[in-house]
PDB file of N, CA and C in Angstrom:
ATOM      1  N   UNK A   1     -44.338 -16.831  13.258  1.00  0.00           N
ATOM      2  CA  UNK A   1     -42.370 -16.649  13.021  1.00  0.00           C
ATOM      3  C   UNK A   1     -41.847 -15.544  14.108  1.00  0.00           C
ATOM      4  N   UNK A   2     -41.078 -15.828  14.491  1.00  0.00           N
ATOM      5  CA  UNK A   2     -40.045 -15.417  15.364  1.00  0.00           C
ATOM      6  C   UNK A   2     -39.256 -14.186  14.204  1.00  0.00           C
ATOM      7  N   UNK A   3     -39.459 -12.856  15.181  1.00  0.00           N
ATOM      8  CA  UNK A   3     -38.566 -11.641  14.409  1.00  0.00           C
ATOM      9  C   UNK A   3     -36.671 -11.320  14.436  1.00  0.00           C
ATOM     10  N   UNK A   4     -36.978 -11.057  13.610  1.00  0.00           N
ATOM     11  CA  UNK A   4     -34.955 -10.730  13.982  1.00  0.00           C
ATOM     12  C   UNK A   4     -34.935  -9.566  13.905  1.00  0.00           C
ATOM     13  N   UNK A   5     -34.168  -8.965  14.765  1.00  0.00           N
ATOM     14  CA  UNK A   5     -33.488  -7.977  14.973  1.00  0.00           C
ATOM     15  C   UNK A   5     -32.025  -7.670  14.908  1.00  0.00           C
ATOM     16  N   UNK A   6     -32.215  -6.338  14.665  1.00  0.00           N
ATOM     17  CA  UNK A   6     -30.564  -5.879  14.458  1.00  0.00           C
ATOM     18  C   UNK A   6     -30.281  -5.430  15.369  1.00  0.00           C
ATOM     19  N   UNK A   7     -29.047  -5.141  16.287  1.00  0.00           N
ATOM     20  CA  UNK A   7     -28.574  -4.377  16.931  1.00  0.00           C
ATOM     21  C   UNK A   7     -28.467  -2.949  16.581  1.00  0.00           C
ATOM     22  N   UNK A   8     -28.648  -2.108  17.836  1.00  0.00           N
ATOM     23  CA  UNK A   8     -29.156  -0.693  17.570  1.00  0.00           C
ATOM     24  C   UNK A   8     -27.411  -0.149  17.216  1.00  0.00           C
ATOM     25  N   UNK A   9     -26.925  -0.869  18.069  1.00  0.00           N
ATOM     26  CA  UNK A   9     -25.238   0.265  17.538  1.00  0.00           C
ATOM     27  C   UNK A   9     -24.623  -0.582  16.496  1.00  0.00           C
ATOM     28  N   UNK A  10     -24.363  -1.592  16.731  1.00  0.00           N
ATOM     29  CA  UNK A  10     -23.364  -2.750  14.977  1.00  0.00           C
ATOM     30  C   UNK A  10     -24.207  -2.498  13.682  1.00  0.00           C
ATOM     31  N   UNK A  11     -25.310  -3.025  14.504  1.00  0.00           N
ATOM     32  CA  UNK A  11     -25.908  -2.784  12.748  1.00  0.00           C
ATOM     33  C   UNK A  11     -26.179  -5.071  12.933  1.00  0.00           C
ATOM     34  N   UNK A  12     -25.541  -5.611  14.062  1.00  0.00           N
ATOM     35  CA  UNK A  12     -25.435  -6.796  13.005  1.00  0.00           C
ATOM     36  C   UNK A  12     -26.979  -7.757  14.001  1.00  0.00           C
ATOM     37  N   UNK A  13     -27.360  -8.594  13.187  1.00  0.00           N
ATOM     38  CA  UNK A  13     -28.698  -9.643  13.416  1.00  0.00           C
ATOM     39  C   UNK A  13     -28.644 -10.177  14.583  1.00  0.00           C
ATOM     40  N   UNK A  14     -29.353 -10.076  15.352  1.00  0.00           N
ATOM     41  CA  UNK A  14     -29.054 -10.240  16.559  1.00  0.00           C
ATOM     42  C   UNK A  14     -30.618 -12.041  16.876  1.00  0.00           C
ATOM     43  N   UNK A  15     -29.595 -12.679  17.124  1.00  0.00           N
ATOM     44  CA  UNK A  15     -30.118 -14.291  16.976  1.00  0.00           C
ATOM     45  C   UNK A  15     -31.787 -14.194  17.860  1.00  0.00           C
ATOM     46  N   UNK A  16     -32.476 -15.158  18.125  1.00  0.00           N
ATOM     47  CA  UNK A  16     -33.671 -15.164  18.421  1.00  0.00           C
ATOM     48  C   UNK A  16     -33.465 -15.489  19.770  1.00  0.00           C
ATOM     49  N   UNK A  17     -33.691 -15.037  21.379  1.00  0.00           N
ATOM     50  CA  UNK A  17     -33.715 -15.861  22.305  1.00  0.00           C
ATOM     51  C   UNK A  17     -32.157 -15.685  22.819  1.00  0.00           C
ATOM     52  N   UNK A  18     -31.916 -14.687  22.101  1.00  0.00           N
ATOM     53  CA  UNK A  18     -30.491 -13.456  22.628  1.00  0.00           C
ATOM     54  C   UNK A  18     -30.535 -12.647  22.716  1.00  0.00           C
ATOM     55  N   UNK A  19     -29.247 -11.598  23.356  1.00  0.00           N
ATOM     56  CA  UNK A  19     -29.410  -9.937  23.042  1.00  0.00           C
ATOM     57  C   UNK A  19     -30.601  -9.197  24.259  1.00  0.00           C
ATOM     58  N   UNK A  20     -30.618  -8.379  24.310  1.00  0.00           N
ATOM     59  CA  UNK A  20     -30.947  -7.773  25.329  1.00  0.00           C
ATOM     60  C   UNK A  20     -31.604  -6.346  24.334  1.00  0.00           C
ATOM     61  N   UNK A  21     -32.656  -6.161  25.413  1.00  0.00           N
ATOM     62  CA  UNK A  21     -33.816  -4.926  24.882  1.00  0.00           C
ATOM     63  C   UNK A  21     -33.701  -4.066  26.142  1.00  0.00           C
ATOM     64  N   UNK A  22     -33.488  -2.723  25.352  1.00  0.00           N
ATOM     65  CA  UNK A  22     -33.182  -1.772  26.842  1.00  0.00           C
ATOM     66  C   UNK A  22     -34.034  -1.137  26.431  1.00  0.00           C
ATOM     67  N   UNK A  23     -35.280  -0.195  27.460  1.00  0.00           N
ATOM     68  CA  UNK A  23     -35.987   0.606  26.939  1.00  0.00           C
ATOM     69  C   UNK A  23     -36.006   1.785  27.875  1.00  0.00           C
ATOM     70  N   UNK A  24     -35.668   3.290  27.245  1.00  0.00           N
ATOM     71  CA  UNK A  24     -35.309   4.334  27.752  1.00  0.00           C
ATOM     72  C   UNK A  24     -36.680   4.731  28.989  1.00  0.00           C
ATOM     73  N   UNK A  25     -36.403   5.913  29.590  1.00  0.00           N
ATOM     74  CA  UNK A  25     -38.178   6.240  30.161  1.00  0.00           C
ATOM     75  C   UNK A  25     -39.008   6.909  29.174  1.00  0.00           C
ATOM     76  N   UNK A  26     -38.203   7.638  28.298  1.00  0.00           N
ATOM     77  CA  UNK A  26     -38.931   8.043  27.287  1.00  0.00           C
ATOM     78  C   UNK A  26     -39.499   7.498  25.954  1.00  0.00           C
ATOM     79  N   UNK A  27     -38.973   6.134  26.117  1.00  0.00           N
ATOM     80  CA  UNK A  27     -39.905   5.053  25.235  1.00  0.00           C
ATOM     81  C   UNK A  27     -39.011   4.595  23.997  1.00  0.00           C
ATOM     82  N   UNK A  28     -37.854   4.830  23.949  1.00  0.00           N
ATOM     83  CA  UNK A  28     -37.162   4.654  22.932  1.00  0.00           C
ATOM     84  C   UNK A  28     -36.705   3.108  23.270  1.00  0.00           C
ATOM     85  N   UNK A  29     -36.466   2.523  22.310  1.00  0.00           N
ATOM     86  CA  UNK A  29     -36.480   0.647  22.751  1.00  0.00           C
ATOM     87  C   UNK A  29     -34.613   0.569  21.929  1.00  0.00           C
ATOM     88  N   UNK A  30     -33.693   0.086  22.525  1.00  0.00           N
ATOM     89  CA  UNK A  30     -32.626  -0.220  21.541  1.00  0.00           C
ATOM     90  C   UNK A  30     -32.260  -2.234  22.199  1.00  0.00           C
ATOM     91  N   UNK A  31     -32.125  -2.144  21.379  1.00  0.00           N
ATOM     92  CA  UNK A  31     -31.857  -3.951  21.019  1.00  0.00           C
ATOM     93  C   UNK A  31     -30.473  -4.288  21.129  1.00  0.00           C
ATOM     94  N   UNK A  32     -29.312  -4.909  21.478  1.00  0.00           N
ATOM     95  CA  UNK A  32     -27.776  -4.740  21.904  1.00  0.00           C
ATOM     96  C   UNK A  32     -28.137  -6.796  21.047  1.00  0.00           C
ATOM     97  N   UNK A  33     -26.935  -6.886  20.910  1.00  0.00           N
ATOM     98  CA  UNK A  33     -26.516  -7.971  20.170  1.00  0.00           C
ATOM     99  C   UNK A  33     -25.271  -8.594  21.473  1.00  0.00           C
ATOM    100  N   UNK A  34     -24.427  -7.705  22.605  1.00  0.00           N
ATOM    101  CA  UNK A  34     -23.425  -7.789  23.351  1.00  0.00           C
ATOM    102  C   UNK A  34     -23.391  -6.902  24.651  1.00  0.00           C
ATOM    103  N   UNK A  35     -22.626  -7.015  25.088  1.00  0.00           N
ATOM    104  CA  UNK A  35     -22.815  -6.332  25.884  1.00  0.00           C
ATOM    105  C   UNK A  35     -21.900  -5.049  26.004  1.00  0.00           C
ATOM    106  N   UNK A  36     -21.059  -5.170  24.556  1.00  0.00           N
ATOM    107  CA  UNK A  36     -19.750  -4.203  24.387  1.00  0.00           C
ATOM    108  C   UNK A  36     -20.813  -3.337  23.723  1.00  0.00           C
ATOM    109  N   UNK A  37     -21.320  -3.483  22.901  1.00  0.00           N
ATOM    110  CA  UNK A  37     -22.607  -2.158  22.377  1.00  0.00           C
ATOM    111  C   UNK A  37     -23.047  -1.645  23.410  1.00  0.00           C
ATOM    112  N   UNK A  38     -23.771  -2.214  24.045  1.00  0.00           N
ATOM    113  CA  UNK A  38     -24.080  -1.288  25.128  1.00  0.00           C
ATOM    114  C   UNK A  38     -23.541  -0.295  25.875  1.00  0.00           C
ATOM    115  N   UNK A  39     -22.515  -0.639  26.156  1.00  0.00           N
ATOM    116  CA  UNK A  39     -21.512  -0.052  27.044  1.00  0.00           C
ATOM    117  C   UNK A  39     -21.286   0.886  26.052  1.00  0.00           C
ATOM    118  N   UNK A  40     -20.963   0.584  24.602  1.00  0.00           N
ATOM    119  CA  UNK A  40     -19.908   1.379  23.952  1.00  0.00           C
ATOM    120  C   UNK A  40     -21.608   3.036  23.687  1.00  0.00           C
ATOM    121  N   UNK A  41     -22.903   2.346  23.428  1.00  0.00           N
ATOM    122  CA  UNK A  41     -23.582   3.356  23.543  1.00  0.00           C
ATOM    123  C   UNK A  41     -24.264   4.068  24.658  1.00  0.00           C
ATOM    124  N   UNK A  42     -24.539   2.982  25.233  1.00  0.00           N
ATOM    125  CA  UNK A  42     -25.193   4.402  26.479  1.00  0.00           C
ATOM    126  C   UNK A  42     -23.959   4.373  27.383  1.00  0.00           C
ATOM    127  N   UNK A  43     -22.756   3.896  27.917  1.00  0.00           N
ATOM    128  CA  UNK A  43     -22.840   4.592  29.593  1.00  0.00           C
ATOM    129  C   UNK A  43     -21.267   5.421  28.558  1.00  0.00           C
ATOM    130  N   UNK A  44     -20.319   4.703  27.143  1.00  0.00           N
ATOM    131  CA  UNK A  44     -19.622   6.057  26.484  1.00  0.00           C
ATOM    132  C   UNK A  44     -20.289   6.701  25.891  1.00  0.00           C
ATOM    133  N   UNK A  45     -21.104   6.795  25.234  1.00  0.00           N
ATOM    134  CA  UNK A  45     -21.733   7.714  24.608  1.00  0.00           C
ATOM    135  C   UNK A  45     -20.994   7.484  23.188  1.00  0.00           C
ATOM    136  N   UNK A  46     -20.530   7.110  22.248  1.00  0.00           N
ATOM    137  CA  UNK A  46     -20.617   6.105  21.457  1.00  0.00           C
ATOM    138  C   UNK A  46     -21.264   6.693  19.932  1.00  0.00           C
ATOM    139  N   UNK A  47     -20.655   7.239  18.726  1.00  0.00           N
ATOM    140  CA  UNK A  47     -21.626   7.089  17.788  1.00  0.00           C
ATOM    141  C   UNK A  47     -21.293   5.839  16.791  1.00  0.00           C
ATOM    142  N   UNK A  48     -22.031   5.342  16.418  1.00  0.00           N
ATOM    143  CA  UNK A  48     -21.678   3.867  15.927  1.00  0.00           C
ATOM    144  C   UNK A  48     -21.218   3.712  14.426  1.00  0.00           C
ATOM    145  N   UNK A  49     -21.143   5.101  13.496  1.00  0.00           N
ATOM    146  CA  UNK A  49     -20.690   5.074  12.406  1.00  0.00           C
ATOM    147  C   UNK A  49     -19.144   6.183  12.535  1.00  0.00           C
ATOM    148  N   UNK A  50     -19.085   6.114  13.510  1.00  0.00           N
ATOM    149  CA  UNK A  50     -17.227   6.959  14.105  1.00  0.00           C
ATOM    150  C   UNK A  50     -16.707   5.343  14.607  1.00  0.00           C
ATOM    151  N   UNK A  51     -17.214   4.182  14.951  1.00  0.00           N
ATOM    152  CA  UNK A  51     -16.458   3.279  15.380  1.00  0.00           C
ATOM    153  C   UNK A  51     -16.622   2.165  14.568  1.00  0.00           C
ATOM    154  N   UNK A  52     -14.858   1.546  14.156  1.00  0.00           N
ATOM    155  CA  UNK A  52     -14.515   0.989  12.992  1.00  0.00           C
ATOM    156  C   UNK A  52     -15.417  -0.463  13.299  1.00  0.00           C
ATOM    157  N   UNK A  53     -14.966  -1.530  14.008  1.00  0.00           N
ATOM    158  CA  UNK A  53     -15.185  -2.087  14.427  1.00  0.00           C
ATOM    159  C   UNK A  53     -16.964  -2.406  13.685  1.00  0.00           C
ATOM    160  N   UNK A  54     -17.681  -1.562  13.753  1.00  0.00           N
ATOM    161  CA  UNK A  54     -19.378  -2.120  13.598  1.00  0.00           C
ATOM    162  C   UNK A  54     -19.549  -1.782  12.228  1.00  0.00           C
ATOM    163  N   UNK A  55     -20.714  -2.243  11.428  1.00  0.00           N
ATOM    164  CA  UNK A  55     -21.455  -2.553  10.272  1.00  0.00           C
ATOM    165  C   UNK A  55     -21.809  -1.110   9.744  1.00  0.00           C
ATOM    166  N   UNK A  56     -22.466  -0.289  10.696  1.00  0.00           N
ATOM    167  CA  UNK A  56     -22.556   0.805  10.218  1.00  0.00           C
ATOM    168  C   UNK A  56     -21.461   1.892   9.987  1.00  0.00           C
ATOM    169  N   UNK A  57     -20.597   1.744  10.408  1.00  0.00           N
ATOM    170  CA  UNK A  57     -19.021   2.694   9.735  1.00  0.00           C
ATOM    171  C   UNK A  57     -18.514   1.766   8.723  1.00  0.00           C
ATOM    172  N   UNK A  58     -18.760   0.800   7.822  1.00  0.00           N
ATOM    173  CA  UNK A  58     -18.672  -0.079   6.712  1.00  0.00           C
ATOM    174  C   UNK A  58     -19.600   0.466   5.902  1.00  0.00           C
ATOM    175  N   UNK A  59     -20.804   0.297   6.485  1.00  0.00           N
ATOM    176  CA  UNK A  59     -21.606   1.453   5.374  1.00  0.00           C
ATOM    177  C   UNK A  59     -21.438   2.434   5.047  1.00  0.00           C
ATOM    178  N   UNK A  60     -21.288   3.565   5.967  1.00  0.00           N
ATOM    179  CA  UNK A  60     -20.829   5.196   5.813  1.00  0.00           C
ATOM    180  C   UNK A  60     -19.627   5.360   5.287  1.00  0.00           C
ATOM    181  N   UNK A  61     -18.689   4.216   5.367  1.00  0.00           N
ATOM    182  CA  UNK A  61     -17.510   4.377   4.324  1.00  0.00           C
ATOM    183  C   UNK A  61     -17.480   3.550   2.946  1.00  0.00           C
ATOM    184  N   UNK A  62     -18.283   3.055   2.419  1.00  0.00           N
ATOM    185  CA  UNK A  62     -18.780   2.046   0.961  1.00  0.00           C
ATOM    186  C   UNK A  62     -19.199   3.866   0.873  1.00  0.00           C
ATOM    187  N   UNK A  63     -20.372   4.392   1.221  1.00  0.00           N
ATOM    188  CA  UNK A  63     -20.606   5.344   0.600  1.00  0.00           C
ATOM    189  C   UNK A  63     -19.817   6.655   0.379  1.00  0.00           C
ATOM    190  N   UNK A  64     -18.840   7.036   1.403  1.00  0.00           N
ATOM    191  CA  UNK A  64     -18.198   8.187   1.399  1.00  0.00           C
ATOM    192  C   UNK A  64     -16.887   7.826   0.189  1.00  0.00           C
ATOM    193  N   UNK A  65     -16.616   6.035  -0.132  1.00  0.00           N
ATOM    194  CA  UNK A  65     -15.421   6.035  -0.891  1.00  0.00           C
ATOM    195  C   UNK A  65     -16.346   5.607  -2.411  1.00  0.00           C
ATOM    196  N   UNK A  66     -17.303   5.705  -2.320  1.00  0.00           N
ATOM    197  CA  UNK A  66     -17.767   4.896  -3.484  1.00  0.00           C
ATOM    198  C   UNK A  66     -17.368   5.570  -5.117  1.00  0.00           C
ATOM    199  N   UNK A  67     -17.509   7.239  -5.103  1.00  0.00           N
ATOM    200  CA  UNK A  67     -17.015   8.204  -5.895  1.00  0.00           C
ATOM    201  C   UNK A  67     -15.506   7.993  -6.532  1.00  0.00           C
ATOM    202  N   UNK A  68     -14.501   8.124  -5.192  1.00  0.00           N
ATOM    203  CA  UNK A  68     -12.956   7.514  -5.671  1.00  0.00           C
ATOM    204  C   UNK A  68     -13.016   6.212  -6.583  1.00  0.00           C
ATOM    205  N   UNK A  69     -13.858   5.305  -5.796  1.00  0.00           N
ATOM    206  CA  UNK A  69     -13.529   3.745  -6.446  1.00  0.00           C
ATOM    207  C   UNK A  69     -13.649   3.597  -8.316  1.00  0.00           C
ATOM    208  N   UNK A  70     -14.716   4.439  -8.342  1.00  0.00           N
ATOM    209  CA  UNK A  70     -15.620   4.467  -9.410  1.00  0.00           C
ATOM    210  C   UNK A  70     -14.696   5.297 -10.599  1.00  0.00           C
ATOM    211  N   UNK A  71     -14.031   5.907 -10.102  1.00  0.00           N
ATOM    212  CA  UNK A  71     -12.890   7.267 -10.997  1.00  0.00           C
ATOM    213  C   UNK A  71     -11.855   5.629 -11.246  1.00  0.00           C
ATOM    214  N   UNK A  72     -11.232   5.293 -10.604  1.00  0.00           N
ATOM    215  CA  UNK A  72     -10.302   4.439 -10.336  1.00  0.00           C
ATOM    216  C   UNK A  72     -10.578   3.258 -10.933  1.00  0.00           C
ATOM    217  N   UNK A  73     -11.975   2.979 -11.549  1.00  0.00           N
ATOM    218  CA  UNK A  73     -12.157   1.350 -11.987  1.00  0.00           C
ATOM    219  C   UNK A  73     -12.351   2.434 -13.628  1.00  0.00           C
ATOM    220  N   UNK A  74     -12.797   3.199 -13.812  1.00  0.00           N
ATOM    221  CA  UNK A  74     -12.356   4.130 -14.808  1.00  0.00           C
ATOM    222  C   UNK A  74     -11.201   3.804 -15.519  1.00  0.00           C
ATOM    223  N   UNK A  75     -10.294   4.706 -14.961  1.00  0.00           N
ATOM    224  CA  UNK A  75      -8.730   4.943 -15.361  1.00  0.00           C
ATOM    225  C   UNK A  75      -8.105   3.605 -15.756  1.00  0.00           C
ATOM    226  N   UNK A  76      -8.347   2.493 -14.597  1.00  0.00           N
ATOM    227  CA  UNK A  76      -7.733   1.164 -15.350  1.00  0.00           C
ATOM    228  C   UNK A  76      -8.584   0.530 -16.481  1.00  0.00           C
ATOM    229  N   UNK A  77     -10.098   0.921 -16.776  1.00  0.00           N
ATOM    230  CA  UNK A  77     -10.025   0.129 -18.255  1.00  0.00           C
ATOM    231  C   UNK A  77      -9.763   0.518 -19.461  1.00  0.00           C
ATOM    232  N   UNK A  78      -9.310   0.289 -19.957  1.00  0.00           N
ATOM    233  CA  UNK A  78      -8.111   0.946 -21.311  1.00  0.00           C
ATOM    234  C   UNK A  78      -8.882   0.530 -22.667  1.00  0.00           C
ATOM    235  N   UNK A  79      -9.115   1.011 -23.535  1.00  0.00           N
ATOM    236  CA  UNK A  79     -10.189   1.034 -24.484  1.00  0.00           C
ATOM    237  C   UNK A  79      -9.593  -0.351 -25.407  1.00  0.00           C
ATOM    238  N   UNK A  80     -10.230  -0.659 -26.118  1.00  0.00           N
ATOM    239  CA  UNK A  80     -10.263  -2.005 -26.679  1.00  0.00           C
ATOM    240  C   UNK A  80      -9.026  -2.039 -27.786  1.00  0.00           C
ATOM    241  N   UNK A  81      -8.398  -2.871 -27.778  1.00  0.00           N
ATOM    242  CA  UNK A  81      -7.470  -2.518 -28.602  1.00  0.00           C
ATOM    243  C   UNK A  81      -8.416  -2.820 -30.403  1.00  0.00           C
ATOM    244  N   UNK A  82      -7.910  -2.423 -31.214  1.00  0.00           N
ATOM    245  CA  UNK A  82      -8.156  -2.617 -32.548  1.00  0.00           C
ATOM    246  C   UNK A  82      -6.850  -4.135 -33.101  1.00  0.00           C
ATOM    247  N   UNK A  83      -8.115  -5.358 -33.474  1.00  0.00           N
ATOM    248  CA  UNK A  83      -7.720  -6.135 -34.580  1.00  0.00           C
ATOM    249  C   UNK A  83      -7.412  -5.858 -35.631  1.00  0.00           C
ATOM    250  N   UNK A  84      -6.204  -5.778 -36.110  1.00  0.00           N
ATOM    251  CA  UNK A  84      -5.885  -5.388 -37.578  1.00  0.00           C
ATOM    252  C   UNK A  84      -5.092  -7.048 -38.117  1.00  0.00           C
ATOM    253  N   UNK A  85      -5.934  -6.676 -39.205  1.00  0.00           N
ATOM    254  CA  UNK A  85      -5.412  -8.180 -39.976  1.00  0.00           C
ATOM    255  C   UNK A  85      -4.134  -8.055 -40.338  1.00  0.00           C
ATOM    256  N   UNK A  86      -3.556  -9.440 -40.437  1.00  0.00           N
ATOM    257  CA  UNK A  86      -1.696  -9.591 -40.489  1.00  0.00           C
ATOM    258  C   UNK A  86      -1.389  -9.455 -41.965  1.00  0.00           C
ATOM    259  N   UNK A  87      -0.621  -8.322 -42.320  1.00  0.00           N
ATOM    260  CA  UNK A  87      -0.130  -8.320 -43.353  1.00  0.00           C
ATOM    261  C   UNK A  87       0.706  -9.639 -43.561  1.00  0.00           C
ATOM    262  N   UNK A  88       0.919  -9.856 -45.252  1.00  0.00           N
ATOM    263  CA  UNK A  88       1.999 -10.774 -45.679  1.00  0.00           C
ATOM    264  C   UNK A  88       3.412 -10.495 -45.260  1.00  0.00           C
ATOM    265  N   UNK A  89       3.883 -11.652 -45.086  1.00  0.00           N
ATOM    266  CA  UNK A  89       5.507 -11.710 -44.886  1.00  0.00           C
ATOM    267  C   UNK A  89       6.233 -11.294 -45.847  1.00  0.00           C
ATOM    268  N   UNK A  90       6.921  -9.893 -45.266  1.00  0.00           N
ATOM    269  CA  UNK A  90       7.818  -9.771 -46.397  1.00  0.00           C
ATOM    270  C   UNK A  90       9.170 -10.491 -46.451  1.00  0.00           C
ATOM    271  N   UNK A  91       9.754 -10.877 -47.859  1.00  0.00           N
ATOM    272  CA  UNK A  91      10.794 -10.739 -48.256  1.00  0.00           C
ATOM    273  C   UNK A  91      12.135 -10.011 -47.664  1.00  0.00           C
ATOM    274  N   UNK A  92      13.409 -10.583 -46.444  1.00  0.00           N
ATOM    275  CA  UNK A  92      13.836  -9.652 -46.066  1.00  0.00           C
ATOM    276  C   UNK A  92      14.960  -8.900 -47.421  1.00  0.00           C
ATOM    277  N   UNK A  93      14.866  -7.636 -46.972  1.00  0.00           N
ATOM    278  CA  UNK A  93      15.839  -6.858 -47.446  1.00  0.00           C
ATOM    279  C   UNK A  93      17.284  -6.966 -47.998  1.00  0.00           C
ATOM    280  N   UNK A  94      17.602  -6.640 -49.091  1.00  0.00           N
ATOM    281  CA  UNK A  94      19.389  -7.035 -49.321  1.00  0.00           C
ATOM    282  C   UNK A  94      20.221  -6.107 -48.409  1.00  0.00           C
ATOM    283  N   UNK A  95      21.079  -6.363 -47.923  1.00  0.00           N
ATOM    284  CA  UNK A  95      21.511  -5.339 -47.952  1.00  0.00           C
ATOM    285  C   UNK A  95      22.467  -4.710 -48.652  1.00  0.00           C
ATOM    286  N   UNK A  96      22.245  -3.283 -48.258  1.00  0.00           N
ATOM    287  CA  UNK A  96      23.218  -2.499 -49.534  1.00  0.00           C
ATOM    288  C   UNK A  96      24.359  -2.357 -49.183  1.00  0.00           C
ATOM    289  N   UNK A  97      25.091  -2.225 -50.377  1.00  0.00           N
ATOM    290  CA  UNK A  97      26.574  -2.213 -50.509  1.00  0.00           C
ATOM    291  C   UNK A  97      26.996  -0.539 -50.370  1.00  0.00           C
ATOM    292  N   UNK A  98      28.020  -0.485 -49.372  1.00  0.00           N
ATOM    293  CA  UNK A  98      28.558   1.205 -48.976  1.00  0.00           C
ATOM    294  C   UNK A  98      29.886   1.204 -49.626  1.00  0.00           C
ATOM    295  N   UNK A  99      28.840   2.658 -50.165  1.00  0.00           N
ATOM    296  CA  UNK A  99      29.927   3.070 -51.259  1.00  0.00           C
ATOM    297  C   UNK A  99      30.702   3.620 -51.052  1.00  0.00           C
ATOM    298  N   UNK A 100      32.294   3.569 -51.370  1.00  0.00           N
ATOM    299  CA  UNK A 100      32.945   4.313 -50.335  1.00  0.00           C
ATOM    300  C   UNK A 100      33.411   5.794 -51.453  1.00  0.00           C
ATOM    301  N   UNK A 101      33.318   7.017 -51.098  1.00  0.00           N
ATOM    302  CA  UNK A 101      34.094   8.187 -51.713  1.00  0.00           C
ATOM    303  C   UNK A 101      34.936   7.737 -52.419  1.00  0.00           C
ATOM    304  N   UNK A 102      35.129   8.678 -53.309  1.00  0.00           N
ATOM    305  CA  UNK A 102      36.259   8.588 -54.438  1.00  0.00           C
ATOM    306  C   UNK A 102      37.388   9.247 -53.714  1.00  0.00           C
ATOM    307  N   UNK A 103      38.227   8.675 -53.396  1.00  0.00           N
ATOM    308  CA  UNK A 103      39.554  10.119 -52.926  1.00  0.00           C
ATOM    309  C   UNK A 103      40.025  10.899 -54.296  1.00  0.00           C
ATOM    310  N   UNK A 104      39.995  11.863 -53.328  1.00  0.00           N
ATOM    311  CA  UNK A 104      40.414  13.271 -54.587  1.00  0.00           C
ATOM    312  C   UNK A 104      41.871  13.453 -54.543  1.00  0.00           C
ATOM    313  N   UNK A 105      42.291  14.086 -55.808  1.00  0.00           N
ATOM    314  CA  UNK A 105      43.453  13.977 -55.812  1.00  0.00           C
ATOM    315  C   UNK A 105      44.219  15.327 -55.624  1.00  0.00           C
ATOM    316  N   UNK A 106      45.531  15.269 -55.302  1.00  0.00           N
ATOM    317  CA  UNK A 106      45.892  16.599 -54.698  1.00  0.00           C
ATOM    318  C   UNK A 106      46.713  17.023 -55.880  1.00  0.00           C
ATOM    319  N   UNK A 107      47.281  17.976 -56.419  1.00  0.00           N
ATOM    320  CA  UNK A 107      48.119  18.506 -57.542  1.00  0.00           C
ATOM    321  C   UNK A 107      48.782  20.016 -56.420  1.00  0.00           C
TER     322      UNK A 107
END
């Protein structure tokens, strides 16, 4: 069975029969899915976890934001409401008559 490889820069899977294998003089082996990845790593010297379009950046971001997302999720969760039994319907109360104050007599 053909071995599936991942790109040394972006982390995407490389289909068998595609991509490039680059071997440095010291013996380190790099696999690249496209020329863009090869130039970013070797020529431009970019770091994969700082380049936004790579999956390595997405992984680092997920690790970095995991605690914050967990706190937000806990805040959103509301405690379950207690279910109360329905009270019997009350009869409407009769309106009270307003008592008028008695006029004071002047002498």
